[in-house]
């Protein structure tokens, strides 16, 4: 599988999508959207409640966390489970979200080896 640039677009060559893969593009955009990757990483580390997720991600506002959680739920990557009137909702990864585990792990490994944190 190679990469090809055609008419200013880039996509995977040799996959099921043909010359340009809209599914790949959509997925990269979703994971690359600010905070989404780190939120998924936190959910994979078993943070389930809003406060738990917020506590492990410094600099993320409540408003933006709520917005991103709704977006990830719309995309089918997580489910919001409301226990009723007595408890706070939990956020759990769906099978689709859990399937991103190896991708998130690979990004994490790459970051540990190659990326440098901003000072």
C-alpha atoms as a PDB file:
ATOM      1  CA  UNK A   1       0.000   0.000   0.000  1.00  0.00           C
ATOM      2  CA  UNK A   2       1.406   3.391  -0.945  1.00  0.00           C
ATOM      3  CA  UNK A   3       0.435   7.021  -0.712  1.00  0.00           C
ATOM      4  CA  UNK A   4      -0.551   9.061  -3.715  1.00  0.00           C
ATOM      5  CA  UNK A   5      -1.274  12.749  -4.136  1.00  0.00           C
ATOM      6  CA  UNK A   6      -3.753  13.584  -6.880  1.00  0.00           C
ATOM      7  CA  UNK A   7      -5.291  16.995  -7.496  1.00  0.00           C
ATOM      8  CA  UNK A   8      -4.227  18.181  -4.053  1.00  0.00           C
ATOM      9  CA  UNK A   9      -5.790  15.213  -2.269  1.00  0.00           C
ATOM     10  CA  UNK A  10      -3.952  12.431  -0.542  1.00  0.00           C
ATOM     11  CA  UNK A  11      -5.110   8.951   0.229  1.00  0.00           C
ATOM     12  CA  UNK A  12      -4.122   5.339   0.403  1.00  0.00           C
ATOM     13  CA  UNK A  13      -3.453   3.426  -2.766  1.00  0.00           C
ATOM     14  CA  UNK A  14      -4.095  -0.298  -2.875  1.00  0.00           C
ATOM     15  CA  UNK A  15      -6.788  -0.431  -0.209  1.00  0.00           C
ATOM     16  CA  UNK A  16     -10.480  -1.178  -0.627  1.00  0.00           C
ATOM     17  CA  UNK A  17     -11.290   2.506  -1.124  1.00  0.00           C
ATOM     18  CA  UNK A  18      -9.243   2.854  -4.308  1.00  0.00           C
ATOM     19  CA  UNK A  19      -7.092   5.873  -5.068  1.00  0.00           C
ATOM     20  CA  UNK A  20      -8.455   8.131  -2.333  1.00  0.00           C
ATOM     21  CA  UNK A  21      -9.990   6.784   0.840  1.00  0.00           C
ATOM     22  CA  UNK A  22     -12.664   9.017   2.385  1.00  0.00           C
ATOM     23  CA  UNK A  23     -12.968   6.655   5.367  1.00  0.00           C
ATOM     24  CA  UNK A  24      -9.263   7.047   6.154  1.00  0.00           C
ATOM     25  CA  UNK A  25      -9.548  10.814   5.814  1.00  0.00           C
ATOM     26  CA  UNK A  26     -12.607  10.964   8.103  1.00  0.00           C
ATOM     27  CA  UNK A  27     -10.905   8.776  10.724  1.00  0.00           C
ATOM     28  CA  UNK A  28      -7.687  10.784  10.755  1.00  0.00           C
ATOM     29  CA  UNK A  29      -9.675  14.004  11.089  1.00  0.00           C
ATOM     30  CA  UNK A  30     -11.720  12.566  13.970  1.00  0.00           C
ATOM     31  CA  UNK A  31      -8.692  11.282  15.889  1.00  0.00           C
ATOM     32  CA  UNK A  32      -6.712  14.412  15.134  1.00  0.00           C
ATOM     33  CA  UNK A  33      -9.396  16.807  16.338  1.00  0.00           C
ATOM     34  CA  UNK A  34      -8.167  18.610  19.414  1.00  0.00           C
ATOM     35  CA  UNK A  35      -8.527  16.501  22.579  1.00  0.00           C
ATOM     36  CA  UNK A  36     -10.254  13.487  20.953  1.00  0.00           C
ATOM     37  CA  UNK A  37      -7.159  11.270  21.000  1.00  0.00           C
ATOM     38  CA  UNK A  38      -6.376  12.057  24.629  1.00  0.00           C
ATOM     39  CA  UNK A  39      -9.988  11.518  25.670  1.00  0.00           C
ATOM     40  CA  UNK A  40      -9.971   8.100  23.988  1.00  0.00           C
ATOM     41  CA  UNK A  41      -6.641   7.340  25.683  1.00  0.00           C
ATOM     42  CA  UNK A  42      -8.162   8.247  29.073  1.00  0.00           C
ATOM     43  CA  UNK A  43     -11.203   6.045  28.408  1.00  0.00           C
ATOM     44  CA  UNK A  44      -8.918   3.151  27.484  1.00  0.00           C
ATOM     45  CA  UNK A  45      -7.138   3.668  30.810  1.00  0.00           C
ATOM     46  CA  UNK A  46     -10.552   3.139  32.474  1.00  0.00           C
ATOM     47  CA  UNK A  47     -11.468   6.725  33.324  1.00  0.00           C
ATOM     48  CA  UNK A  48     -15.265   6.581  33.089  1.00  0.00           C
ATOM     49  CA  UNK A  49     -16.780   9.558  34.859  1.00  0.00           C
ATOM     50  CA  UNK A  50     -16.657  13.120  33.562  1.00  0.00           C
ATOM     51  CA  UNK A  51     -14.561  14.251  36.536  1.00  0.00           C
ATOM     52  CA  UNK A  52     -12.130  11.349  36.160  1.00  0.00           C
ATOM     53  CA  UNK A  53     -11.561  12.132  32.500  1.00  0.00           C
ATOM     54  CA  UNK A  54     -11.116  15.846  33.228  1.00  0.00           C
ATOM     55  CA  UNK A  55      -8.677  15.091  36.062  1.00  0.00           C
ATOM     56  CA  UNK A  56      -6.277  13.136  33.842  1.00  0.00           C
ATOM     57  CA  UNK A  57      -6.269  15.714  31.015  1.00  0.00           C
ATOM     58  CA  UNK A  58      -4.849  19.051  32.174  1.00  0.00           C
ATOM     59  CA  UNK A  59      -6.010  22.133  30.297  1.00  0.00           C
ATOM     60  CA  UNK A  60      -9.265  20.664  29.009  1.00  0.00           C
ATOM     61  CA  UNK A  61     -12.296  22.791  29.899  1.00  0.00           C
ATOM     62  CA  UNK A  62     -15.580  21.283  31.038  1.00  0.00           C
ATOM     63  CA  UNK A  63     -17.384  22.762  28.033  1.00  0.00           C
ATOM     64  CA  UNK A  64     -14.943  21.327  25.523  1.00  0.00           C
ATOM     65  CA  UNK A  65     -14.855  17.925  27.253  1.00  0.00           C
ATOM     66  CA  UNK A  66     -18.655  17.740  27.119  1.00  0.00           C
ATOM     67  CA  UNK A  67     -18.625  18.729  23.443  1.00  0.00           C
ATOM     68  CA  UNK A  68     -15.998  16.131  22.533  1.00  0.00           C
ATOM     69  CA  UNK A  69     -17.733  13.372  24.506  1.00  0.00           C
ATOM     70  CA  UNK A  70     -20.969  14.100  22.614  1.00  0.00           C
ATOM     71  CA  UNK A  71     -19.065  14.003  19.314  1.00  0.00           C
ATOM     72  CA  UNK A  72     -17.402  10.679  20.137  1.00  0.00           C
ATOM     73  CA  UNK A  73     -20.784   9.296  21.174  1.00  0.00           C
ATOM     74  CA  UNK A  74     -22.348  10.444  17.861  1.00  0.00           C
ATOM     75  CA  UNK A  75     -19.506   8.700  16.016  1.00  0.00           C
ATOM     76  CA  UNK A  76     -20.318   5.476  17.884  1.00  0.00           C
ATOM     77  CA  UNK A  77     -16.998   5.279  19.746  1.00  0.00           C
ATOM     78  CA  UNK A  78     -18.452   5.550  23.241  1.00  0.00           C
ATOM     79  CA  UNK A  79     -21.723   5.187  25.080  1.00  0.00           C
ATOM     80  CA  UNK A  80     -23.034   7.414  27.833  1.00  0.00           C
ATOM     81  CA  UNK A  81     -24.591   5.276  30.535  1.00  0.00           C
ATOM     82  CA  UNK A  82     -26.888   6.992  33.002  1.00  0.00           C
ATOM     83  CA  UNK A  83     -27.441   4.948  36.169  1.00  0.00           C
ATOM     84  CA  UNK A  84     -30.597   6.883  37.042  1.00  0.00           C
ATOM     85  CA  UNK A  85     -31.144   9.763  39.389  1.00  0.00           C
ATOM     86  CA  UNK A  86     -28.647   8.552  41.980  1.00  0.00           C
ATOM     87  CA  UNK A  87     -25.352   8.652  40.110  1.00  0.00           C
ATOM     88  CA  UNK A  88     -23.250  10.472  37.577  1.00  0.00           C
ATOM     89  CA  UNK A  89     -23.196   9.169  34.014  1.00  0.00           C
ATOM     90  CA  UNK A  90     -20.363   6.899  32.907  1.00  0.00           C
ATOM     91  CA  UNK A  91     -18.680   6.922  29.528  1.00  0.00           C
ATOM     92  CA  UNK A  92     -17.608   3.553  28.174  1.00  0.00           C
ATOM     93  CA  UNK A  93     -16.029   2.631  24.881  1.00  0.00           C
ATOM     94  CA  UNK A  94     -18.157   0.699  22.432  1.00  0.00           C
ATOM     95  CA  UNK A  95     -16.704  -2.207  20.451  1.00  0.00           C
ATOM     96  CA  UNK A  96     -15.935   0.323  17.712  1.00  0.00           C
ATOM     97  CA  UNK A  97     -14.068   2.504  20.214  1.00  0.00           C
ATOM     98  CA  UNK A  98     -12.235  -0.437  21.765  1.00  0.00           C
ATOM     99  CA  UNK A  99     -11.066  -1.476  18.303  1.00  0.00           C
ATOM    100  CA  UNK A 100      -9.022   1.745  18.239  1.00  0.00           C
ATOM    101  CA  UNK A 101      -6.925   0.414  21.152  1.00  0.00           C
ATOM    102  CA  UNK A 102      -4.007  -0.780  18.987  1.00  0.00           C
ATOM    103  CA  UNK A 103      -4.046   2.527  17.080  1.00  0.00           C
ATOM    104  CA  UNK A 104      -3.942   4.607  20.278  1.00  0.00           C
ATOM    105  CA  UNK A 105      -1.229   2.315  21.693  1.00  0.00           C
ATOM    106  CA  UNK A 106       0.838   2.709  18.510  1.00  0.00           C
ATOM    107  CA  UNK A 107       0.513   6.507  18.640  1.00  0.00           C
ATOM    108  CA  UNK A 108       1.476   6.445  22.318  1.00  0.00           C
ATOM    109  CA  UNK A 109       4.555   4.317  21.598  1.00  0.00           C
ATOM    110  CA  UNK A 110       5.571   6.531  18.693  1.00  0.00           C
ATOM    111  CA  UNK A 111       5.158   9.637  20.867  1.00  0.00           C
ATOM    112  CA  UNK A 112       7.314   8.118  23.620  1.00  0.00           C
ATOM    113  CA  UNK A 113      10.064   7.353  21.098  1.00  0.00           C
ATOM    114  CA  UNK A 114       9.923  10.379  18.818  1.00  0.00           C
ATOM    115  CA  UNK A 115       7.809  13.279  20.019  1.00  0.00           C
ATOM    116  CA  UNK A 116       9.095  15.905  22.362  1.00  0.00           C
ATOM    117  CA  UNK A 117       6.698  17.655  24.714  1.00  0.00           C
ATOM    118  CA  UNK A 118       6.412  21.398  24.283  1.00  0.00           C
ATOM    119  CA  UNK A 119       8.344  23.244  26.960  1.00  0.00           C
END
